[in-house]
Amino acid sequence: MTAEKLAEAMAVKHWLDQNPHAVREPRENNLELAIGHAVKECRKKLNITIADLASATGVSSGMLSKIERGNISPSLGTLQSLSKALGVPITTFFRGYEEPHKATFVKSGQGLNIERRGTRAGHQYSLLGHIDNNTTGVSVEPYLITLTTASDVFPTFQHDGMEFLHMLEGRVVYRHGDQLYDMEPGDSLFFDADAPHGPEQLVQLPCRYLSIISYPNKAGSEA
């Protein structure tokens, strides 16, 4: 089995092993409990004992035990010491405290039409949703892209992250690196967006496809 096939098989196994119906541990409503739970989780991830953490922070083992159980409210100085010793931002300790979960809903035909950097003539980008300041460390931009008779072919887009395309209407020959893909409705393409990519030939117009781009949280990318 090639390395590529092995990686694909492992990815499929990881997906099959996940339980989409599993109930996650509920968020802590009490601030002290939320902080204590976060401290304990971070400590366990580093596989260190309370005594080890006490030695690294100068906070007594007894005090740390009370913090992890949510029995006391630690001072800002103590949280700063814990943050440094555990190698996490201080905000990590508050994420479990009534953390909001955001969502966006866009009615059919009401996506925000935008001009992205690098957009070519005739490429219409309709942004279908966006969530700022999420805690995943990843930004995701879903677009509905429409190509018409006035559209340029431009197979050399490049940007950070990964991109997923799903063809909805029309037919286009899409380039990724040195490979060409004849895409018809129902076809999908998932790729590393750092390689040159884009429509090489517009075969049947109009073309519409869904483009989902994901990249580490940072400003901007071109599609």
Foldseek 3Di string as FASTA:
>chain_A
DDPVVVVVVVVVVVVVPDDPPDDDDAFDQDLLQLLLCLLVVLCVVVPDDLVVLCVQQVNDSVVNVCSNNSNDDDDPSSLVSSCVSSVHDSCSSRCSHPHDDDDDAAPPPRFCWDDAPPDWPQWTWGWGDFDPPDDPQKGKTKTKIKHAPGTDWFQFFAKAFKKKKAWQAAWFFKDFAPDTDTDHHGDMDIGGRRTGITTPGRDTDTTIMMMMGMHGDDDDIGD
